[in-house]
Amino acid sequence: MNNQTRYTPETGKPYPLGASLEGGGVNFALYSANATRVELHLYDAKDLHIGTVEVLERTRQVWHVFVPGLGEGQRYGYRLWGPHEPENGWRFNPNKLLMDPYAKAISGRIQWHDALFGYVVGENDLTYSLLDSAPFLPKSIVIDSNYDWEGVGQPRIPYHESIIYEAHVKGLTFRHPGLAENIRGTYAGIAHPVIIGHLKSLGITAIELMPVQHFVNDRHLVEKGLTNYWGYNTIGFFAPDCRYASGEKEGGQVGEFKDMVKALHRAGIEVILDVVYNHTAEGNHLGPTLCFKGADNQEYYRLCQDRRYYMDFTGTGNTLNAYFPPVLRLMMDSLRYWITEMHVDGFRFDLASALARGLDEVDMLGSFFSIIHQDPVISQVKLIAEPWDLGEGGYQVGNFPSEWAEWNGRYRDCIRDFWRGEQSMLSEFADRITGSPDLYNDSNRTPSASINLVTAHDGFTLHDLVSYNGKHNQANGEDNNDGEPHNRSSNHGVEGETSDPGIISLRQRQKKNLLSTLMLSQGVPMLLAGDELGRSQRGNNNAYCQDNEISWLNWADADLELLAFVKKLISLRKMHPVFRRRKWFQGEPIRGLGVKDIHWFQPNGKEMEDHNWEEDFARSLGVFLSGDAVKVYGPAGERLAGNSFYLIFNAHSGPLDFRLPMQDHGLKWELVLSTCDRAHGQYYPAGDLLQVTDRSVAVLRSC
């Protein structure tokens, strides 16, 4: 060792990979098949270099060493020697300090500098940079994995009982007046009783956190005064990002993350992580050398036939090589770590189709899925796919294996189109609100395979969806050329905010219509954080780089009337099993009752016929849901009777008279929810006429 002769390195062992506290020291293990020499570099808390250890032992392509005397909080990085032949896919350069691919904590953010690139910036990537990147690269940190969970277990909520809340750690908490300033925007902020209380009062069962695995702010964004706010630019697949930690302890973000999980679990709320295993923050051939590119570029990434370049199914410059065993091992080790050590309850996989690609095409029987399905740990948590990527054939909604749920993009598009008045939507609308059987019923899946969403982080908020016809992304600095141009939105007469009371009323009704459809559909509803408060992004539908008031929830300006409606709506869903069936509707008479488990009606009270579904003028229908068809049992095994419901969806531009079902479906009906100002609690006899306001939903319960 340089500078620290008291360290006497020992052989160590090749497993586990990463840095592990063991018997008075730390074991380091790093995979690299093509390196010819490896050095471990040690740093103090002020980032001063304090020593170098040459890693001499190599077992099955894993380099390993044990260093006595090191402990928790130790900062470190690696330098690797090997061929520098970018034209052949090798990009070794020992002038570049590298993060540990298995680092459990990372010390901070990158300070962008030309030294972070393996080539001479300003020249092509075939050149060789002699600049030392160590002063500009965050260091990996040794952590102590011991933690007292105090007996708090995981909630293990079934899919059909789940209501997911997609949120950003900072965006959710940064402007909340009930939080102390030092914990706003942090894991501790989410763990605070005011945030958990909000989630509980809504009826949320799972919070889905946008990326918290350590990520990088892109250089081009930093130079424009922006940031990668969303975090889809991972560099540390085991490390909770330190920017969301409130404390200053080295590696303290790990314990604070666990504190958050424990607090949420104690409240009966699951934690789902949005994870990005399809690519890394190292970009294409012109990207920086931070970790994987310098550790073994040819192994970690999918390269083109001309191996200087990267396959890009993600739109980020590279794609991780999930087809290759060592990379698969890293992904599986990472997933298991977050489950066993961090106690998370599931994952939403960004651009999951990229993980299913073989040599080119998407293969749902590929290695990634096969390993997950047989893994006794990973297979037992919630697995949710974003079922597309940017490559050819990447749109795979409905095609993932039976163990998976999927973000249902077709649900989102259909529900938006229906409520903005598109023609010939009834048939597809019926499929979507019954769990999308056309997508999932033929593959031994259940309605819970469909994660239903109307909005998500990527796109308009709910308020903006009913307030803007077009995107307004000028703040992103790309001349409004970024973001999806076709949003299936409607401004209802005025672009953006307005003082017109008629437009304001219609927009409020449309928000309630979209939310009601979401919560009363079969499948698993996902609510975007802030939609219940009427949050706006000022028409920005791609706020990935906006770490400011555009993205943060404004709690002080919350729409309390809308919030109360959402609470009532979610409570209705949770109280009545008919809205969260575990099995598909059969559309056939229930034995002994003579009525179907589901029945579709025209406004005149007649049953829908085949030709009615495709008529252009038909934008309204009634749906009878039989509570007797849902088998629910109490704690003693007794059969519990459920209420039947009649749902009226009127997307027509004018009011309509709906005739309620006749007595064989229910003797009397109570109006329990409507999206217009009609008073609830009114009763109507079977066969009565009910006038339903234009563009509104009415929910009636049988008595």
Foldseek 3Di string as FASTA:
>chain_A
DPQCVVKDKDQADQPPAAWDDDDQWIKHKAAFQFFPWKKKWWADPVLHTRDIDTQDDADPRMTMMIIGNDDFFIWIWMATHGDCALLQQAQAARLETAEGLAFQAWQAAFDDDCSQAQARPVDALSHGDNHRRSVGAITGTHHDLDDCLVPQAALLDDLLLAAEEEDEQQQAFCQDPVDDNLQHSALVRCLDCVNLVLCVLLPHAEYEYQAQAAAHFDPVQVVVVWGQRRRLAHDHLNYGHPVRHSDNRRSCNLVSLLSSQSSCSVSNHAYEYADEQFDHNQAWLRGGRHHCSNRYRVQFWDADPSRSTEDDQAPRHTTTPLQHVVSLVSVVVSLLCCCPRSVHAYYEYELCQSNQDHNAHGHLVGDNNVVQCPDPGNLSGAYEYQQATRGPPRRQQLPHAQSHAYAHPVLQLLLLLLLVQFFLNQVVLVCSLQLNCVRHVVRPHASQSYAHENDELQFWQLLQQQQAQAADAVVSVPNSPDGDGHRSGHNQPHHHDDPPVVSVQLSLLLLLLSLLSQLQGEYHYYHYPQSLFSQGLRRHRGCSTPPDSSSHHNPVNGPVVSNVSSSLSNVVSSVFCLSSAGHGFPQDADPPQRDGQKFKADQQQDGDDPVLSRDGQDSKIKMKHAQQVGFDADPVRHTDGGWIKIKIFASAQAKGKGFAAAPSRAQKKFWQDKSHPDDGGDMDGHRDIDIHGHGMMIMIIHD
